[in-house]
Amino acid sequence: MGYLLYVQLINKQNDAERDVIDQFTFYQSEAARRMEEIMCIPDERMLQLKGLTVFLTDSLAWSMSTLKDQAVFPAKWSVSKRIHSLHFLLAFGMISCTKEIFDWKEIGAQYYPGIGGSKAFDLSKIEFLNMLETLSGQPAEALGMISGGQITPIYFAGTLEGKWSNYQAGPVHALTNISVSQDEYSTPATTLWLVENRAVLTRMSAEPHFLQETNSIIVCVDGHIRSVHRYFIRQLMNSSSIGQVILWSDYDEAGLQIAREMYQSLSGHDVRHKWICPDHSILTSWPEYQQRMEDLLQ
């Protein structure tokens, strides 16, 4: 490499770093101004947005190194994408505190007035919504967004009661992310099964009288657990008499991660936990189950 090319590359790198710093400085100035509007919303909506508003308030004091070290962002995200996601969270908080219902396109359109504003967050829609739901602890529909363009099913079997719907133990039933966000469900069951695989759900529900005799409800998380499943599980745990949770995932690397996610979704609830091992033996400790699975995967 010649000296002039070296100097050009160094200058290009320095320009890129300054550009990112300017982006972050602009975000923090915008957030400081707009957070005043968000903090004036009614108490009920503020409670719903608590996780989001706390995160945004903390971000006002971040340095660039803090931004790069935040575990809430996927490691592969660039600094620019992290800043863009902060703008999205701020935009969502603003529209959620001013409108009871809104659609996806309105989020960007209100935040970036002008041509193309409604499409500002389209490229990272799913990732940004997942981040939002992780921070807020509830699906976007519960915060007012009515047209995300996706309907997520939640498959289960067992007795379930809501304000607008009731289900009896027997066949496999399905809820949606929209119904879960707008209803409040409870179950008389005392045992909750969380399973990864639909085949396990259908086989257990087909066993005559199994659910009734064991006073159980079975929820299929359908792979990696999503925010709507966490929200539904939290509804059941808060409004029911569940005394034990049995977790059953596949026996591969993804299954171990899903088992961890299911376990984390129960954080804060004082219930007995049981994990089903490959030989169908039962463990009652997460570290012990994790070690058993890691040994198996070796």
C-alpha atoms as a PDB file:
ATOM      1  CA  MET A   1       0.000   0.000   0.000  1.00  0.00           C
ATOM      2  CA  GLY A   2       1.324   3.425  -0.926  1.00  0.00           C
ATOM      3  CA  TYR A   3       1.410   6.243   1.591  1.00  0.00           C
ATOM      4  CA  LEU A   4      -1.249   8.320  -0.174  1.00  0.00           C
ATOM      5  CA  LEU A   5      -3.683   5.376  -0.233  1.00  0.00           C
ATOM      6  CA  TYR A   6      -2.974   4.759   3.458  1.00  0.00           C
ATOM      7  CA  VAL A   7      -3.768   8.397   4.290  1.00  0.00           C
ATOM      8  CA  GLN A   8      -6.951   8.250   2.206  1.00  0.00           C
ATOM      9  CA  LEU A   9      -8.177   5.125   4.026  1.00  0.00           C
ATOM     10  CA  ILE A  10      -7.385   6.598   7.435  1.00  0.00           C
ATOM     11  CA  ASN A  11      -9.267   9.794   6.568  1.00  0.00           C
ATOM     12  CA  LYS A  12     -12.218   7.753   5.305  1.00  0.00           C
ATOM     13  CA  GLN A  13     -12.292   5.769   8.546  1.00  0.00           C
ATOM     14  CA  ASN A  14     -12.108   8.943  10.639  1.00  0.00           C
ATOM     15  CA  ASP A  15     -14.931  10.523   8.623  1.00  0.00           C
ATOM     16  CA  ALA A  16     -17.099   7.427   9.185  1.00  0.00           C
ATOM     17  CA  GLU A  17     -16.426   7.514  12.930  1.00  0.00           C
ATOM     18  CA  ARG A  18     -17.279  11.224  13.115  1.00  0.00           C
ATOM     19  CA  ASP A  19     -20.460  10.590  11.149  1.00  0.00           C
ATOM     20  CA  VAL A  20     -21.567   7.918  13.637  1.00  0.00           C
ATOM     21  CA  ILE A  21     -20.792  10.218  16.572  1.00  0.00           C
ATOM     22  CA  ASP A  22     -22.848  12.975  14.928  1.00  0.00           C
ATOM     23  CA  GLN A  23     -25.732  10.510  14.432  1.00  0.00           C
ATOM     24  CA  PHE A  24     -25.672   9.535  18.097  1.00  0.00           C
ATOM     25  CA  THR A  25     -25.412  13.138  19.268  1.00  0.00           C
ATOM     26  CA  PHE A  26     -28.402  14.036  17.103  1.00  0.00           C
ATOM     27  CA  TYR A  27     -30.407  11.114  18.552  1.00  0.00           C
ATOM     28  CA  GLN A  28     -29.662  12.156  22.138  1.00  0.00           C
ATOM     29  CA  SER A  29     -30.668  15.756  21.470  1.00  0.00           C
ATOM     30  CA  GLU A  30     -33.910  14.614  19.814  1.00  0.00           C
ATOM     31  CA  ALA A  31     -34.632  12.136  22.607  1.00  0.00           C
ATOM     32  CA  ALA A  32     -34.026  14.736  25.330  1.00  0.00           C
ATOM     33  CA  ARG A  33     -36.565  17.037  23.666  1.00  0.00           C
ATOM     34  CA  ARG A  34     -39.193  14.436  22.816  1.00  0.00           C
ATOM     35  CA  MET A  35     -39.019  12.469  26.066  1.00  0.00           C
ATOM     36  CA  GLU A  36     -40.690  15.433  27.766  1.00  0.00           C
ATOM     37  CA  GLU A  37     -43.773  14.758  25.628  1.00  0.00           C
ATOM     38  CA  ILE A  38     -43.722  11.037  26.390  1.00  0.00           C
ATOM     39  CA  MET A  39     -43.458  11.559  30.149  1.00  0.00           C
ATOM     40  CA  CYS A  40     -46.723  13.562  30.111  1.00  0.00           C
ATOM     41  CA  ILE A  41     -48.895  10.622  29.033  1.00  0.00           C
ATOM     42  CA  PRO A  42     -51.667   9.150  31.250  1.00  0.00           C
ATOM     43  CA  ASP A  43     -50.572   6.870  34.080  1.00  0.00           C
ATOM     44  CA  GLU A  44     -52.118   3.721  32.577  1.00  0.00           C
ATOM     45  CA  ARG A  45     -50.218   3.995  29.284  1.00  0.00           C
ATOM     46  CA  MET A  46     -47.082   5.095  31.134  1.00  0.00           C
ATOM     47  CA  LEU A  47     -47.215   1.870  33.125  1.00  0.00           C
ATOM     48  CA  GLN A  48     -47.412  -0.100  29.878  1.00  0.00           C
ATOM     49  CA  LEU A  49     -44.465   1.802  28.436  1.00  0.00           C
ATOM     50  CA  LYS A  50     -42.368   1.739  31.609  1.00  0.00           C
ATOM     51  CA  GLY A  51     -39.694  -0.632  30.301  1.00  0.00           C
ATOM     52  CA  LEU A  52     -39.362   1.392  27.112  1.00  0.00           C
ATOM     53  CA  THR A  53     -39.265   4.816  28.780  1.00  0.00           C
ATOM     54  CA  VAL A  54     -36.672   3.677  31.341  1.00  0.00           C
ATOM     55  CA  PHE A  55     -34.472   2.374  28.515  1.00  0.00           C
ATOM     56  CA  LEU A  56     -34.803   5.581  26.490  1.00  0.00           C
ATOM     57  CA  THR A  57     -34.112   7.748  29.534  1.00  0.00           C
ATOM     58  CA  ASP A  58     -30.968   5.755  30.306  1.00  0.00           C
ATOM     59  CA  SER A  59     -29.794   6.148  26.700  1.00  0.00           C
ATOM     60  CA  LEU A  60     -29.573   9.918  27.169  1.00  0.00           C
ATOM     61  CA  ALA A  61     -26.538   9.402  29.421  1.00  0.00           C
ATOM     62  CA  TRP A  62     -24.768   6.805  27.251  1.00  0.00           C
ATOM     63  CA  SER A  63     -21.384   7.301  25.688  1.00  0.00           C
ATOM     64  CA  MET A  64     -20.389   5.705  22.384  1.00  0.00           C
ATOM     65  CA  SER A  65     -18.687   2.857  24.229  1.00  0.00           C
ATOM     66  CA  THR A  66     -21.855   2.250  26.275  1.00  0.00           C
ATOM     67  CA  LEU A  67     -23.878   2.080  23.064  1.00  0.00           C
ATOM     68  CA  LYS A  68     -21.493  -0.516  21.647  1.00  0.00           C
ATOM     69  CA  ASP A  69     -21.589  -2.634  24.828  1.00  0.00           C
ATOM     70  CA  GLN A  70     -25.372  -2.762  25.340  1.00  0.00           C
ATOM     71  CA  ALA A  71     -26.441  -6.417  25.495  1.00  0.00           C
ATOM     72  CA  VAL A  72     -29.997  -5.614  24.339  1.00  0.00           C
ATOM     73  CA  PHE A  73     -28.665  -5.112  20.807  1.00  0.00           C
ATOM     74  CA  PRO A  74     -27.681  -8.181  18.763  1.00  0.00           C
ATOM     75  CA  ALA A  75     -23.880  -8.357  18.557  1.00  0.00           C
ATOM     76  CA  LYS A  76     -23.934  -8.282  14.754  1.00  0.00           C
ATOM     77  CA  TRP A  77     -25.719  -4.908  14.592  1.00  0.00           C
ATOM     78  CA  SER A  78     -23.597  -2.001  13.418  1.00  0.00           C
ATOM     79  CA  VAL A  79     -23.452   1.182  15.490  1.00  0.00           C
ATOM     80  CA  SER A  80     -25.574   2.972  12.878  1.00  0.00           C
ATOM     81  CA  LYS A  81     -28.274   0.296  13.105  1.00  0.00           C
ATOM     82  CA  ARG A  82     -28.283   0.547  16.898  1.00  0.00           C
ATOM     83  CA  ILE A  83     -28.814   4.302  16.645  1.00  0.00           C
ATOM     84  CA  HIS A  84     -31.560   3.748  14.051  1.00  0.00           C
ATOM     85  CA  SER A  85     -33.290   1.325  16.439  1.00  0.00           C
ATOM     86  CA  LEU A  86     -33.179   3.968  19.180  1.00  0.00           C
ATOM     87  CA  HIS A  87     -34.931   6.387  16.832  1.00  0.00           C
ATOM     88  CA  PHE A  88     -37.577   3.707  16.220  1.00  0.00           C
ATOM     89  CA  LEU A  89     -38.132   3.141  19.943  1.00  0.00           C
ATOM     90  CA  LEU A  90     -38.435   6.882  20.472  1.00  0.00           C
ATOM     91  CA  ALA A  91     -40.848   7.160  17.529  1.00  0.00           C
ATOM     92  CA  PHE A  92     -42.951   4.287  18.874  1.00  0.00           C
ATOM     93  CA  GLY A  93     -43.048   5.807  22.349  1.00  0.00           C
ATOM     94  CA  MET A  94     -44.180   9.154  20.926  1.00  0.00           C
ATOM     95  CA  ILE A  95     -47.037   7.794  18.821  1.00  0.00           C
ATOM     96  CA  SER A  96     -48.124   5.342  21.505  1.00  0.00           C
ATOM     97  CA  CYS A  97     -48.568   8.169  23.983  1.00  0.00           C
ATOM     98  CA  THR A  98     -50.578  10.332  21.579  1.00  0.00           C
ATOM     99  CA  LYS A  99     -52.799   7.733  19.871  1.00  0.00           C
ATOM    100  CA  GLU A 100     -54.716   4.798  21.294  1.00  0.00           C
ATOM    101  CA  ILE A 101     -54.461   2.909  17.997  1.00  0.00           C
ATOM    102  CA  PHE A 102     -52.150   3.334  15.013  1.00  0.00           C
ATOM    103  CA  ASP A 103     -50.650   1.271  12.218  1.00  0.00           C
ATOM    104  CA  TRP A 104     -47.041   0.491  11.328  1.00  0.00           C
ATOM    105  CA  LYS A 105     -46.707   3.157   8.651  1.00  0.00           C
ATOM    106  CA  GLU A 106     -47.798   5.927  11.015  1.00  0.00           C
ATOM    107  CA  ILE A 107     -44.781   5.368  13.284  1.00  0.00           C
ATOM    108  CA  GLY A 108     -42.220   6.549  10.742  1.00  0.00           C
ATOM    109  CA  ALA A 109     -44.547   9.079   9.128  1.00  0.00           C
ATOM    110  CA  GLN A 110     -45.083  10.965  12.388  1.00  0.00           C
ATOM    111  CA  TYR A 111     -41.413  10.841  13.379  1.00  0.00           C
ATOM    112  CA  TYR A 112     -40.012  11.749   9.945  1.00  0.00           C
ATOM    113  CA  PRO A 113     -42.528  14.109   8.321  1.00  0.00           C
ATOM    114  CA  GLY A 114     -42.010  14.273   4.579  1.00  0.00           C
ATOM    115  CA  ILE A 115     -41.760  11.912   1.628  1.00  0.00           C
ATOM    116  CA  GLY A 116     -40.564   8.430   2.566  1.00  0.00           C
ATOM    117  CA  GLY A 117     -40.943   8.863   6.312  1.00  0.00           C
ATOM    118  CA  SER A 118     -43.509   6.066   6.579  1.00  0.00           C
ATOM    119  CA  LYS A 119     -40.936   3.611   5.183  1.00  0.00           C
ATOM    120  CA  ALA A 120     -38.065   4.707   7.425  1.00  0.00           C
ATOM    121  CA  PHE A 121     -38.068   1.583   9.582  1.00  0.00           C
ATOM    122  CA  ASP A 122     -39.349  -0.982   7.052  1.00  0.00           C
ATOM    123  CA  LEU A 123     -36.024  -2.758   6.411  1.00  0.00           C
ATOM    124  CA  SER A 124     -35.638  -3.724  10.074  1.00  0.00           C
ATOM    125  CA  LYS A 125     -39.317  -4.068  10.969  1.00  0.00           C
ATOM    126  CA  ILE A 126     -39.248  -7.514  12.574  1.00  0.00           C
ATOM    127  CA  GLU A 127     -35.971  -6.934  14.434  1.00  0.00           C
ATOM    128  CA  PHE A 128     -37.062  -3.566  15.809  1.00  0.00           C
ATOM    129  CA  LEU A 129     -40.468  -4.885  16.905  1.00  0.00           C
ATOM    130  CA  ASN A 130     -38.798  -7.826  18.655  1.00  0.00           C
ATOM    131  CA  MET A 131     -36.553  -5.393  20.504  1.00  0.00           C
ATOM    132  CA  LEU A 132     -39.526  -3.223  21.447  1.00  0.00           C
ATOM    133  CA  GLU A 133     -41.466  -6.190  22.795  1.00  0.00           C
ATOM    134  CA  THR A 134     -38.441  -7.417  24.745  1.00  0.00           C
ATOM    135  CA  LEU A 135     -38.053  -4.035  26.462  1.00  0.00           C
ATOM    136  CA  SER A 136     -41.759  -3.469  27.106  1.00  0.00           C
ATOM    137  CA  GLY A 137     -42.532  -7.080  28.020  1.00  0.00           C
ATOM    138  CA  GLN A 138     -45.673  -7.165  25.893  1.00  0.00           C
ATOM    139  CA  PRO A 139     -46.670  -7.377  22.246  1.00  0.00           C
ATOM    140  CA  ALA A 140     -46.858  -4.224  20.137  1.00  0.00           C
ATOM    141  CA  GLU A 141     -50.619  -4.735  19.783  1.00  0.00           C
ATOM    142  CA  ALA A 142     -51.022  -4.158  23.515  1.00  0.00           C
ATOM    143  CA  LEU A 143     -49.380  -0.759  23.054  1.00  0.00           C
ATOM    144  CA  GLY A 144     -51.733   0.378  20.302  1.00  0.00           C
ATOM    145  CA  MET A 145     -50.295  -0.925  17.018  1.00  0.00           C
ATOM    146  CA  ILE A 146     -53.159  -2.580  15.161  1.00  0.00           C
ATOM    147  CA  SER A 147     -51.732  -3.501  11.779  1.00  0.00           C
ATOM    148  CA  GLY A 148     -48.316  -5.036  11.984  1.00  0.00           C
ATOM    149  CA  GLY A 149     -49.201  -7.213   9.030  1.00  0.00           C
ATOM    150  CA  GLN A 150     -48.588 -10.467  10.908  1.00  0.00           C
ATOM    151  CA  ILE A 151     -50.797 -12.701  13.016  1.00  0.00           C
ATOM    152  CA  THR A 152     -48.917 -15.015  15.350  1.00  0.00           C
ATOM    153  CA  PRO A 153     -50.754 -18.185  16.467  1.00  0.00           C
ATOM    154  CA  ILE A 154     -50.434 -19.628  19.963  1.00  0.00           C
ATOM    155  CA  TYR A 155     -51.356 -23.309  20.061  1.00  0.00           C
ATOM    156  CA  PHE A 156     -52.495 -24.865  23.322  1.00  0.00           C
ATOM    157  CA  ALA A 157     -54.693 -27.544  24.839  1.00  0.00           C
ATOM    158  CA  GLY A 158     -56.533 -27.301  28.138  1.00  0.00           C
ATOM    159  CA  THR A 159     -59.199 -25.282  29.900  1.00  0.00           C
ATOM    160  CA  LEU A 160     -58.835 -21.546  29.392  1.00  0.00           C
ATOM    161  CA  GLU A 161     -61.110 -18.647  30.265  1.00  0.00           C
ATOM    162  CA  GLY A 162     -61.150 -15.108  28.887  1.00  0.00           C
ATOM    163  CA  LYS A 163     -63.542 -12.179  28.712  1.00  0.00           C
ATOM    164  CA  TRP A 164     -64.720 -13.038  25.195  1.00  0.00           C
ATOM    165  CA  SER A 165     -63.823 -16.700  24.785  1.00  0.00           C
ATOM    166  CA  ASN A 166     -63.685 -19.933  26.765  1.00  0.00           C
ATOM    167  CA  TYR A 167     -61.993 -23.199  25.813  1.00  0.00           C
ATOM    168  CA  GLN A 168     -62.439 -26.711  27.207  1.00  0.00           C
ATOM    169  CA  ALA A 169     -59.775 -29.387  27.615  1.00  0.00           C
ATOM    170  CA  GLY A 170     -59.690 -31.819  24.725  1.00  0.00           C
ATOM    171  CA  PRO A 171     -58.627 -30.730  21.225  1.00  0.00           C
ATOM    172  CA  VAL A 172     -55.847 -28.357  20.283  1.00  0.00           C
ATOM    173  CA  HIS A 173     -56.972 -24.720  20.279  1.00  0.00           C
ATOM    174  CA  ALA A 174     -55.288 -21.568  18.957  1.00  0.00           C
ATOM    175  CA  LEU A 175     -55.146 -17.974  20.139  1.00  0.00           C
ATOM    176  CA  THR A 176     -53.530 -15.083  18.260  1.00  0.00           C
ATOM    177  CA  ASN A 177     -51.220 -12.288  19.336  1.00  0.00           C
ATOM    178  CA  ILE A 178     -54.140  -9.870  18.852  1.00  0.00           C
ATOM    179  CA  SER A 179     -56.543 -11.783  21.093  1.00  0.00           C
ATOM    180  CA  VAL A 180     -53.883 -12.194  23.790  1.00  0.00           C
ATOM    181  CA  SER A 181     -53.118  -8.468  23.787  1.00  0.00           C
ATOM    182  CA  GLN A 182     -56.820  -7.526  24.067  1.00  0.00           C
ATOM    183  CA  ASP A 183     -58.068 -10.186  26.472  1.00  0.00           C
ATOM    184  CA  GLU A 184     -57.144 -11.491  29.913  1.00  0.00           C
ATOM    185  CA  TYR A 185     -56.844 -15.256  30.191  1.00  0.00           C
ATOM    186  CA  SER A 186     -56.737 -17.574  33.177  1.00  0.00           C
ATOM    187  CA  THR A 187     -56.897 -21.321  33.705  1.00  0.00           C
ATOM    188  CA  PRO A 188     -58.038 -23.566  36.563  1.00  0.00           C
ATOM    189  CA  ALA A 189     -55.120 -25.892  35.752  1.00  0.00           C
ATOM    190  CA  THR A 190     -52.427 -26.368  38.365  1.00  0.00           C
ATOM    191  CA  THR A 191     -49.779 -27.752  35.984  1.00  0.00           C
ATOM    192  CA  LEU A 192     -48.476 -25.864  32.953  1.00  0.00           C
ATOM    193  CA  TRP A 193     -46.594 -27.734  30.245  1.00  0.00           C
ATOM    194  CA  LEU A 194     -44.367 -25.667  27.959  1.00  0.00           C
ATOM    195  CA  VAL A 195     -43.366 -27.687  24.918  1.00  0.00           C
ATOM    196  CA  GLU A 196     -41.333 -26.748  21.872  1.00  0.00           C
ATOM    197  CA  ASN A 197     -42.729 -29.231  19.403  1.00  0.00           C
ATOM    198  CA  ARG A 198     -46.257 -29.250  17.964  1.00  0.00           C
ATOM    199  CA  ALA A 199     -46.129 -33.033  17.702  1.00  0.00           C
ATOM    200  CA  VAL A 200     -45.794 -33.282  21.482  1.00  0.00           C
ATOM    201  CA  LEU A 201     -48.782 -30.969  21.921  1.00  0.00           C
ATOM    202  CA  THR A 202     -51.022 -32.914  19.539  1.00  0.00           C
ATOM    203  CA  ARG A 203     -50.020 -36.290  20.985  1.00  0.00           C
ATOM    204  CA  MET A 204     -50.635 -35.235  24.586  1.00  0.00           C
ATOM    205  CA  SER A 205     -53.956 -33.575  23.784  1.00  0.00           C
ATOM    206  CA  ALA A 206     -55.091 -36.724  21.961  1.00  0.00           C
ATOM    207  CA  GLU A 207     -54.568 -38.878  25.057  1.00  0.00           C
ATOM    208  CA  PRO A 208     -58.090 -39.448  26.472  1.00  0.00           C
ATOM    209  CA  HIS A 209     -58.762 -37.502  29.686  1.00  0.00           C
ATOM    210  CA  PHE A 210     -55.052 -36.778  30.261  1.00  0.00           C
ATOM    211  CA  LEU A 211     -55.554 -33.030  30.671  1.00  0.00           C
ATOM    212  CA  GLN A 212     -58.548 -33.394  32.970  1.00  0.00           C
ATOM    213  CA  GLU A 213     -56.990 -36.097  35.150  1.00  0.00           C
ATOM    214  CA  THR A 214     -53.724 -34.218  35.602  1.00  0.00           C
ATOM    215  CA  ASN A 215     -55.379 -30.782  35.756  1.00  0.00           C
ATOM    216  CA  SER A 216     -52.968 -29.564  33.067  1.00  0.00           C
ATOM    217  CA  ILE A 217     -52.759 -27.008  30.299  1.00  0.00           C
ATOM    218  CA  ILE A 218     -50.203 -27.405  27.490  1.00  0.00           C
ATOM    219  CA  VAL A 219     -48.772 -24.447  25.568  1.00  0.00           C
ATOM    220  CA  CYS A 220     -46.610 -24.920  22.473  1.00  0.00           C
ATOM    221  CA  VAL A 221     -44.004 -22.155  22.063  1.00  0.00           C
ATOM    222  CA  ASP A 222     -43.401 -23.255  18.461  1.00  0.00           C
ATOM    223  CA  GLY A 223     -39.620 -22.904  18.409  1.00  0.00           C
ATOM    224  CA  HIS A 224     -37.764 -19.917  19.831  1.00  0.00           C
ATOM    225  CA  ILE A 225     -40.098 -18.228  22.256  1.00  0.00           C
ATOM    226  CA  ARG A 226     -41.585 -14.938  21.072  1.00  0.00           C
ATOM    227  CA  SER A 227     -42.786 -11.972  23.067  1.00  0.00           C
ATOM    228  CA  VAL A 228     -46.446 -12.887  22.624  1.00  0.00           C
ATOM    229  CA  HIS A 229     -45.794 -16.308  24.168  1.00  0.00           C
ATOM    230  CA  ARG A 230     -43.993 -14.670  27.089  1.00  0.00           C
ATOM    231  CA  TYR A 231     -46.925 -12.301  27.520  1.00  0.00           C
ATOM    232  CA  PHE A 232     -49.439 -15.175  27.439  1.00  0.00           C
ATOM    233  CA  ILE A 233     -47.382 -17.241  29.904  1.00  0.00           C
ATOM    234  CA  ARG A 234     -47.181 -14.251  32.244  1.00  0.00           C
ATOM    235  CA  GLN A 235     -50.972 -13.840  32.033  1.00  0.00           C
ATOM    236  CA  LEU A 236     -51.460 -17.463  33.051  1.00  0.00           C
ATOM    237  CA  MET A 237     -48.949 -17.287  35.882  1.00  0.00           C
ATOM    238  CA  ASN A 238     -50.418 -14.066  37.301  1.00  0.00           C
ATOM    239  CA  SER A 239     -54.088 -15.031  37.124  1.00  0.00           C
ATOM    240  CA  SER A 240     -54.118 -18.761  37.827  1.00  0.00           C
ATOM    241  CA  SER A 241     -53.213 -21.353  40.465  1.00  0.00           C
ATOM    242  CA  ILE A 242     -50.337 -22.981  38.607  1.00  0.00           C
ATOM    243  CA  GLY A 243     -48.031 -24.737  41.047  1.00  0.00           C
ATOM    244  CA  GLN A 244     -45.609 -26.464  38.704  1.00  0.00           C
ATOM    245  CA  VAL A 245     -44.296 -25.982  35.179  1.00  0.00           C
ATOM    246  CA  ILE A 246     -42.962 -28.870  33.102  1.00  0.00           C
ATOM    247  CA  LEU A 247     -40.609 -27.864  30.282  1.00  0.00           C
ATOM    248  CA  TRP A 248     -40.028 -30.152  27.312  1.00  0.00           C
ATOM    249  CA  SER A 249     -37.874 -29.085  24.376  1.00  0.00           C
ATOM    250  CA  ASP A 250     -35.980 -30.924  21.641  1.00  0.00           C
ATOM    251  CA  TYR A 251     -32.587 -32.439  22.403  1.00  0.00           C
ATOM    252  CA  ASP A 252     -30.331 -30.388  20.140  1.00  0.00           C
ATOM    253  CA  GLU A 253     -28.488 -27.073  20.450  1.00  0.00           C
ATOM    254  CA  ALA A 254     -31.555 -25.057  19.471  1.00  0.00           C
ATOM    255  CA  GLY A 255     -33.640 -27.057  21.943  1.00  0.00           C
ATOM    256  CA  LEU A 256     -31.280 -26.163  24.785  1.00  0.00           C
ATOM    257  CA  GLN A 257     -31.551 -22.476  23.904  1.00  0.00           C
ATOM    258  CA  ILE A 258     -35.345 -22.739  23.727  1.00  0.00           C
ATOM    259  CA  ALA A 259     -35.400 -24.478  27.125  1.00  0.00           C
ATOM    260  CA  ARG A 260     -33.422 -21.542  28.506  1.00  0.00           C
ATOM    261  CA  GLU A 261     -35.872 -19.067  26.961  1.00  0.00           C
ATOM    262  CA  MET A 262     -38.858 -20.923  28.426  1.00  0.00           C
ATOM    263  CA  TYR A 263     -37.198 -20.962  31.845  1.00  0.00           C
ATOM    264  CA  GLN A 264     -36.458 -17.229  31.630  1.00  0.00           C
ATOM    265  CA  SER A 265     -40.097 -16.509  30.726  1.00  0.00           C
ATOM    266  CA  LEU A 266     -41.022 -17.827  34.187  1.00  0.00           C
ATOM    267  CA  SER A 267     -38.672 -15.478  36.014  1.00  0.00           C
ATOM    268  CA  GLY A 268     -40.212 -13.976  39.125  1.00  0.00           C
ATOM    269  CA  HIS A 269     -42.777 -16.738  39.667  1.00  0.00           C
ATOM    270  CA  ASP A 270     -42.387 -19.091  42.605  1.00  0.00           C
ATOM    271  CA  VAL A 271     -43.322 -22.443  41.067  1.00  0.00           C
ATOM    272  CA  ARG A 272     -41.738 -25.883  40.800  1.00  0.00           C
ATOM    273  CA  HIS A 273     -39.816 -26.426  37.582  1.00  0.00           C
ATOM    274  CA  LYS A 274     -39.317 -29.815  35.949  1.00  0.00           C
ATOM    275  CA  TRP A 275     -37.330 -30.640  32.823  1.00  0.00           C
ATOM    276  CA  ILE A 276     -37.856 -33.827  30.831  1.00  0.00           C
ATOM    277  CA  CYS A 277     -34.572 -35.454  29.809  1.00  0.00           C
ATOM    278  CA  PRO A 278     -33.915 -37.596  26.708  1.00  0.00           C
ATOM    279  CA  ASP A 279     -34.414 -40.803  28.725  1.00  0.00           C
ATOM    280  CA  HIS A 280     -37.668 -39.301  30.129  1.00  0.00           C
ATOM    281  CA  SER A 281     -36.170 -38.897  33.580  1.00  0.00           C
ATOM    282  CA  ILE A 282     -37.015 -35.661  35.421  1.00  0.00           C
ATOM    283  CA  LEU A 283     -34.687 -32.928  36.666  1.00  0.00           C
ATOM    284  CA  THR A 284     -35.763 -30.035  38.893  1.00  0.00           C
ATOM    285  CA  SER A 285     -32.723 -27.766  38.558  1.00  0.00           C
ATOM    286  CA  TRP A 286     -31.856 -25.643  35.517  1.00  0.00           C
ATOM    287  CA  PRO A 287     -28.044 -25.844  36.030  1.00  0.00           C
ATOM    288  CA  GLU A 288     -28.323 -29.631  36.288  1.00  0.00           C
ATOM    289  CA  TYR A 289     -30.463 -29.882  33.159  1.00  0.00           C
ATOM    290  CA  GLN A 290     -28.164 -27.509  31.266  1.00  0.00           C
ATOM    291  CA  GLN A 291     -25.136 -29.610  32.198  1.00  0.00           C
ATOM    292  CA  ARG A 292     -26.922 -32.823  31.210  1.00  0.00           C
ATOM    293  CA  MET A 293     -27.768 -31.390  27.799  1.00  0.00           C
ATOM    294  CA  GLU A 294     -24.291 -29.950  27.215  1.00  0.00           C
ATOM    295  CA  ASP A 295     -22.784 -33.350  27.993  1.00  0.00           C
ATOM    296  CA  LEU A 296     -25.240 -34.961  25.587  1.00  0.00           C
ATOM    297  CA  LEU A 297     -24.454 -32.464  22.812  1.00  0.00           C
ATOM    298  CA  GLN A 298     -20.745 -33.220  23.125  1.00  0.00           C
END
